[in-house]
Amino acid sequence: MAGHFSPHQLRHSYATHLMDNGAPLEVIQSLLGHEKSETTRIYAELSGKQRHEHYSKFF
């Protein structure tokens, strides 16, 4: 359904945008209220563009 978002989708989007704009994982972790960084990594996946940029740097 267009225009309907779950709280999970909003949290994931928020975390991804923060990471794409250079926010450190620890800051994102604090903002989301996670105790473990592993939990934050689930929400803060790199976007396709960001992933491509990192890949290009190393290969």
PDB file of N, CA and C in Angstrom:
ATOM      1  N   MET A   1       0.829  -1.187   0.000  1.00  0.00           N
ATOM      2  CA  MET A   1       0.000   0.000   0.000  1.00  0.00           C
ATOM      3  C   MET A   1       0.871   1.247   0.000  1.00  0.00           C
ATOM      4  N   ALA A   2       0.675   2.072  -0.961  1.00  0.00           N
ATOM      5  CA  ALA A   2       1.441   3.316  -1.048  1.00  0.00           C
ATOM      6  C   ALA A   2       1.057   4.253   0.083  1.00  0.00           C
ATOM      7  N   GLY A   3       2.073   4.833   0.720  1.00  0.00           N
ATOM      8  CA  GLY A   3       1.809   5.806   1.767  1.00  0.00           C
ATOM      9  C   GLY A   3       1.675   5.237   3.167  1.00  0.00           C
ATOM     10  N   HIS A   4       1.694   3.923   3.294  1.00  0.00           N
ATOM     11  CA  HIS A   4       1.585   3.312   4.624  1.00  0.00           C
ATOM     12  C   HIS A   4       2.922   2.699   5.000  1.00  0.00           C
ATOM     13  N   PHE A   5       3.428   3.069   6.158  1.00  0.00           N
ATOM     14  CA  PHE A   5       4.715   2.572   6.612  1.00  0.00           C
ATOM     15  C   PHE A   5       4.579   2.038   8.025  1.00  0.00           C
ATOM     16  N   SER A   6       5.307   0.972   8.294  1.00  0.00           N
ATOM     17  CA  SER A   6       5.314   0.421   9.644  1.00  0.00           C
ATOM     18  C   SER A   6       6.371   1.133  10.473  1.00  0.00           C
ATOM     19  N   PRO A   7       6.258   1.073  11.796  1.00  0.00           N
ATOM     20  CA  PRO A   7       7.312   1.658  12.643  1.00  0.00           C
ATOM     21  C   PRO A   7       8.687   1.057  12.337  1.00  0.00           C
ATOM     22  N   HIS A   8       8.727  -0.225  12.042  1.00  0.00           N
ATOM     23  CA  HIS A   8       9.998  -0.877  11.711  1.00  0.00           C
ATOM     24  C   HIS A   8      10.608  -0.253  10.450  1.00  0.00           C
ATOM     25  N   GLN A   9       9.811  -0.020   9.425  1.00  0.00           N
ATOM     26  CA  GLN A   9      10.310   0.580   8.187  1.00  0.00           C
ATOM     27  C   GLN A   9      10.835   1.992   8.437  1.00  0.00           C
ATOM     28  N   LEU A  10      10.156   2.740   9.276  1.00  0.00           N
ATOM     29  CA  LEU A  10      10.598   4.102   9.579  1.00  0.00           C
ATOM     30  C   LEU A  10      11.925   4.093  10.342  1.00  0.00           C
ATOM     31  N   ARG A  11      12.065   3.192  11.316  1.00  0.00           N
ATOM     32  CA  ARG A  11      13.322   3.081  12.071  1.00  0.00           C
ATOM     33  C   ARG A  11      14.468   2.672  11.150  1.00  0.00           C
ATOM     34  N   HIS A  12      14.209   1.721  10.273  1.00  0.00           N
ATOM     35  CA  HIS A  12      15.224   1.260   9.335  1.00  0.00           C
ATOM     36  C   HIS A  12      15.654   2.400   8.415  1.00  0.00           C
ATOM     37  N   SER A  13      14.698   3.124   7.892  1.00  0.00           N
ATOM     38  CA  SER A  13      14.988   4.252   7.000  1.00  0.00           C
ATOM     39  C   SER A  13      15.784   5.332   7.727  1.00  0.00           C
ATOM     40  N   TYR A  14      15.371   5.655   8.942  1.00  0.00           N
ATOM     41  CA  TYR A  14      16.054   6.660   9.763  1.00  0.00           C
ATOM     42  C   TYR A  14      17.514   6.262   9.977  1.00  0.00           C
ATOM     43  N   ALA A  15      17.737   5.033  10.394  1.00  0.00           N
ATOM     44  CA  ALA A  15      19.094   4.554  10.657  1.00  0.00           C
ATOM     45  C   ALA A  15      19.936   4.551   9.383  1.00  0.00           C
ATOM     46  N   THR A  16      19.353   4.127   8.272  1.00  0.00           N
ATOM     47  CA  THR A  16      20.077   4.084   7.011  1.00  0.00           C
ATOM     48  C   THR A  16      20.462   5.481   6.550  1.00  0.00           C
ATOM     49  N   HIS A  17      19.556   6.438   6.679  1.00  0.00           N
ATOM     50  CA  HIS A  17      19.859   7.818   6.292  1.00  0.00           C
ATOM     51  C   HIS A  17      20.955   8.406   7.172  1.00  0.00           C
ATOM     52  N   LEU A  18      20.918   8.111   8.464  1.00  0.00           N
ATOM     53  CA  LEU A  18      21.973   8.592   9.352  1.00  0.00           C
ATOM     54  C   LEU A  18      23.327   8.039   8.934  1.00  0.00           C
ATOM     55  N   MET A  19      23.375   6.739   8.663  1.00  0.00           N
ATOM     56  CA  MET A  19      24.635   6.111   8.289  1.00  0.00           C
ATOM     57  C   MET A  19      25.116   6.642   6.937  1.00  0.00           C
ATOM     58  N   ASP A  20      24.206   6.780   5.978  1.00  0.00           N
ATOM     59  CA  ASP A  20      24.586   7.285   4.659  1.00  0.00           C
ATOM     60  C   ASP A  20      25.171   8.690   4.739  1.00  0.00           C
ATOM     61  N   ASN A  21      24.781   9.438   5.765  1.00  0.00           N
ATOM     62  CA  ASN A  21      25.263  10.805   5.912  1.00  0.00           C
ATOM     63  C   ASN A  21      26.418  10.918   6.904  1.00  0.00           C
ATOM     64  N   GLY A  22      27.008   9.779   7.241  1.00  0.00           N
ATOM     65  CA  GLY A  22      28.238   9.780   8.012  1.00  0.00           C
ATOM     66  C   GLY A  22      28.126   9.663   9.516  1.00  0.00           C
ATOM     67  N   ALA A  23      26.930   9.416  10.042  1.00  0.00           N
ATOM     68  CA  ALA A  23      26.795   9.270  11.495  1.00  0.00           C
ATOM     69  C   ALA A  23      27.489   7.985  11.943  1.00  0.00           C
ATOM     70  N   PRO A  24      28.287   8.052  12.991  1.00  0.00           N
ATOM     71  CA  PRO A  24      28.947   6.851  13.508  1.00  0.00           C
ATOM     72  C   PRO A  24      27.916   5.864  14.058  1.00  0.00           C
ATOM     73  N   LEU A  25      28.247   4.587  13.970  1.00  0.00           N
ATOM     74  CA  LEU A  25      27.359   3.529  14.450  1.00  0.00           C
ATOM     75  C   LEU A  25      26.963   3.750  15.914  1.00  0.00           C
ATOM     76  N   GLU A  26      27.901   4.223  16.721  1.00  0.00           N
ATOM     77  CA  GLU A  26      27.625   4.433  18.144  1.00  0.00           C
ATOM     78  C   GLU A  26      26.538   5.491  18.356  1.00  0.00           C
ATOM     79  N   VAL A  27      26.535   6.523  17.514  1.00  0.00           N
ATOM     80  CA  VAL A  27      25.523   7.578  17.612  1.00  0.00           C
ATOM     81  C   VAL A  27      24.162   7.017  17.211  1.00  0.00           C
ATOM     82  N   ILE A  28      24.130   6.270  16.124  1.00  0.00           N
ATOM     83  CA  ILE A  28      22.877   5.666  15.671  1.00  0.00           C
ATOM     84  C   ILE A  28      22.351   4.714  16.732  1.00  0.00           C
ATOM     85  N   GLN A  29      23.242   3.934  17.316  1.00  0.00           N
ATOM     86  CA  GLN A  29      22.879   2.998  18.380  1.00  0.00           C
ATOM     87  C   GLN A  29      22.225   3.736  19.537  1.00  0.00           C
ATOM     88  N   SER A  30      22.796   4.848  19.937  1.00  0.00           N
ATOM     89  CA  SER A  30      22.261   5.644  21.037  1.00  0.00           C
ATOM     90  C   SER A  30      20.890   6.225  20.683  1.00  0.00           C
ATOM     91  N   LEU A  31      20.761   6.760  19.475  1.00  0.00           N
ATOM     92  CA  LEU A  31      19.494   7.361  19.053  1.00  0.00           C
ATOM     93  C   LEU A  31      18.364   6.334  18.979  1.00  0.00           C
ATOM     94  N   LEU A  32      18.708   5.107  18.590  1.00  0.00           N
ATOM     95  CA  LEU A  32      17.680   4.064  18.503  1.00  0.00           C
ATOM     96  C   LEU A  32      17.445   3.365  19.838  1.00  0.00           C
ATOM     97  N   GLY A  33      18.339   3.607  20.804  1.00  0.00           N
ATOM     98  CA  GLY A  33      18.172   3.013  22.130  1.00  0.00           C
ATOM     99  C   GLY A  33      18.571   1.556  22.214  1.00  0.00           C
ATOM    100  N   HIS A  34      19.484   1.132  21.357  1.00  0.00           N
ATOM    101  CA  HIS A  34      19.935  -0.257  21.374  1.00  0.00           C
ATOM    102  C   HIS A  34      21.064  -0.445  22.373  1.00  0.00           C
ATOM    103  N   GLU A  35      21.046  -1.565  23.067  1.00  0.00           N
ATOM    104  CA  GLU A  35      22.140  -1.890  23.983  1.00  0.00           C
ATOM    105  C   GLU A  35      23.332  -2.464  23.237  1.00  0.00           C
ATOM    106  N   LYS A  36      23.068  -3.232  22.176  1.00  0.00           N
ATOM    107  CA  LYS A  36      24.134  -3.897  21.426  1.00  0.00           C
ATOM    108  C   LYS A  36      24.259  -3.310  20.030  1.00  0.00           C
ATOM    109  N   SER A  37      25.496  -3.119  19.583  1.00  0.00           N
ATOM    110  CA  SER A  37      25.728  -2.578  18.237  1.00  0.00           C
ATOM    111  C   SER A  37      25.263  -3.546  17.160  1.00  0.00           C
ATOM    112  N   GLU A  38      25.238  -4.851  17.465  1.00  0.00           N
ATOM    113  CA  GLU A  38      24.777  -5.837  16.487  1.00  0.00           C
ATOM    114  C   GLU A  38      23.321  -5.577  16.101  1.00  0.00           C
ATOM    115  N   THR A  39      22.519  -5.149  17.056  1.00  0.00           N
ATOM    116  CA  THR A  39      21.124  -4.833  16.784  1.00  0.00           C
ATOM    117  C   THR A  39      21.025  -3.626  15.867  1.00  0.00           C
ATOM    118  N   THR A  40      21.853  -2.635  16.099  1.00  0.00           N
ATOM    119  CA  THR A  40      21.842  -1.424  15.282  1.00  0.00           C
ATOM    120  C   THR A  40      22.237  -1.733  13.850  1.00  0.00           C
ATOM    121  N   ARG A  41      23.171  -2.634  13.680  1.00  0.00           N
ATOM    122  CA  ARG A  41      23.627  -2.976  12.323  1.00  0.00           C
ATOM    123  C   ARG A  41      22.485  -3.529  11.474  1.00  0.00           C
ATOM    124  N   ILE A  42      21.524  -4.171  12.094  1.00  0.00           N
ATOM    125  CA  ILE A  42      20.369  -4.690  11.353  1.00  0.00           C
ATOM    126  C   ILE A  42      19.605  -3.539  10.717  1.00  0.00           C
ATOM    127  N   TYR A  43      19.410  -2.452  11.457  1.00  0.00           N
ATOM    128  CA  TYR A  43      18.667  -1.300  10.959  1.00  0.00           C
ATOM    129  C   TYR A  43      19.508  -0.429  10.037  1.00  0.00           C
ATOM    130  N   ALA A  44      20.778  -0.377  10.277  1.00  0.00           N
ATOM    131  CA  ALA A  44      21.637   0.594   9.599  1.00  0.00           C
ATOM    132  C   ALA A  44      22.397  -0.018   8.430  1.00  0.00           C
ATOM    133  N   GLU A  45      21.708  -0.750   7.588  1.00  0.00           N
ATOM    134  CA  GLU A  45      22.343  -1.314   6.409  1.00  0.00           C
ATOM    135  C   GLU A  45      22.723  -0.183   5.459  1.00  0.00           C
ATOM    136  N   LEU A  46      23.824  -0.376   4.762  1.00  0.00           N
ATOM    137  CA  LEU A  46      24.252   0.627   3.804  1.00  0.00           C
ATOM    138  C   LEU A  46      23.335   0.602   2.591  1.00  0.00           C
ATOM    139  N   SER A  47      23.065   1.753   2.061  1.00  0.00           N
ATOM    140  CA  SER A  47      22.282   1.832   0.834  1.00  0.00           C
ATOM    141  C   SER A  47      23.091   1.277  -0.316  1.00  0.00           C
ATOM    142  N   GLY A  48      22.438   0.990  -1.430  1.00  0.00           N
ATOM    143  CA  GLY A  48      23.127   0.473  -2.611  1.00  0.00           C
ATOM    144  C   GLY A  48      24.212   1.415  -3.086  1.00  0.00           C
ATOM    145  N   LYS A  49      23.953   2.727  -3.087  1.00  0.00           N
ATOM    146  CA  LYS A  49      24.934   3.711  -3.520  1.00  0.00           C
ATOM    147  C   LYS A  49      26.148   3.692  -2.600  1.00  0.00           C
ATOM    148  N   GLN A  50      25.896   3.722  -1.294  1.00  0.00           N
ATOM    149  CA  GLN A  50      26.985   3.723  -0.320  1.00  0.00           C
ATOM    150  C   GLN A  50      27.802   2.444  -0.435  1.00  0.00           C
ATOM    151  N   ARG A  51      27.144   1.313  -0.608  1.00  0.00           N
ATOM    152  CA  ARG A  51      27.821   0.029  -0.731  1.00  0.00           C
ATOM    153  C   ARG A  51      28.730   0.049  -1.963  1.00  0.00           C
ATOM    154  N   HIS A  52      28.233   0.583  -3.069  1.00  0.00           N
ATOM    155  CA  HIS A  52      29.013   0.659  -4.307  1.00  0.00           C
ATOM    156  C   HIS A  52      30.243   1.551  -4.117  1.00  0.00           C
ATOM    157  N   GLU A  53      30.081   2.682  -3.432  1.00  0.00           N
ATOM    158  CA  GLU A  53      31.206   3.589  -3.192  1.00  0.00           C
ATOM    159  C   GLU A  53      32.297   2.903  -2.373  1.00  0.00           C
ATOM    160  N   HIS A  54      31.902   2.178  -1.334  1.00  0.00           N
ATOM    161  CA  HIS A  54      32.887   1.465  -0.505  1.00  0.00           C
ATOM    162  C   HIS A  54      33.566   0.368  -1.302  1.00  0.00           C
ATOM    163  N   TYR A  55      32.791  -0.341  -2.077  1.00  0.00           N
ATOM    164  CA  TYR A  55      33.344  -1.421  -2.889  1.00  0.00           C
ATOM    165  C   TYR A  55      34.370  -0.868  -3.866  1.00  0.00           C
ATOM    166  N   SER A  56      34.034   0.261  -4.493  1.00  0.00           N
ATOM    167  CA  SER A  56      34.928   0.880  -5.477  1.00  0.00           C
ATOM    168  C   SER A  56      36.254   1.315  -4.868  1.00  0.00           C
ATOM    169  N   LYS A  57      36.253   1.695  -3.601  1.00  0.00           N
ATOM    170  CA  LYS A  57      37.475   2.136  -2.933  1.00  0.00           C
ATOM    171  C   LYS A  57      38.478   0.998  -2.755  1.00  0.00           C
ATOM    172  N   PHE A  58      37.953  -0.206  -2.557  1.00  0.00           N
ATOM    173  CA  PHE A  58      38.819  -1.323  -2.192  1.00  0.00           C
ATOM    174  C   PHE A  58      39.079  -2.305  -3.324  1.00  0.00           C
ATOM    175  N   PHE A  59      38.333  -2.185  -4.413  1.00  0.00           N
ATOM    176  CA  PHE A  59      38.518  -3.147  -5.524  1.00  0.00           C
ATOM    177  C   PHE A  59      38.683  -2.442  -6.833  1.00  0.00           C
TER     178      PHE A  59
END
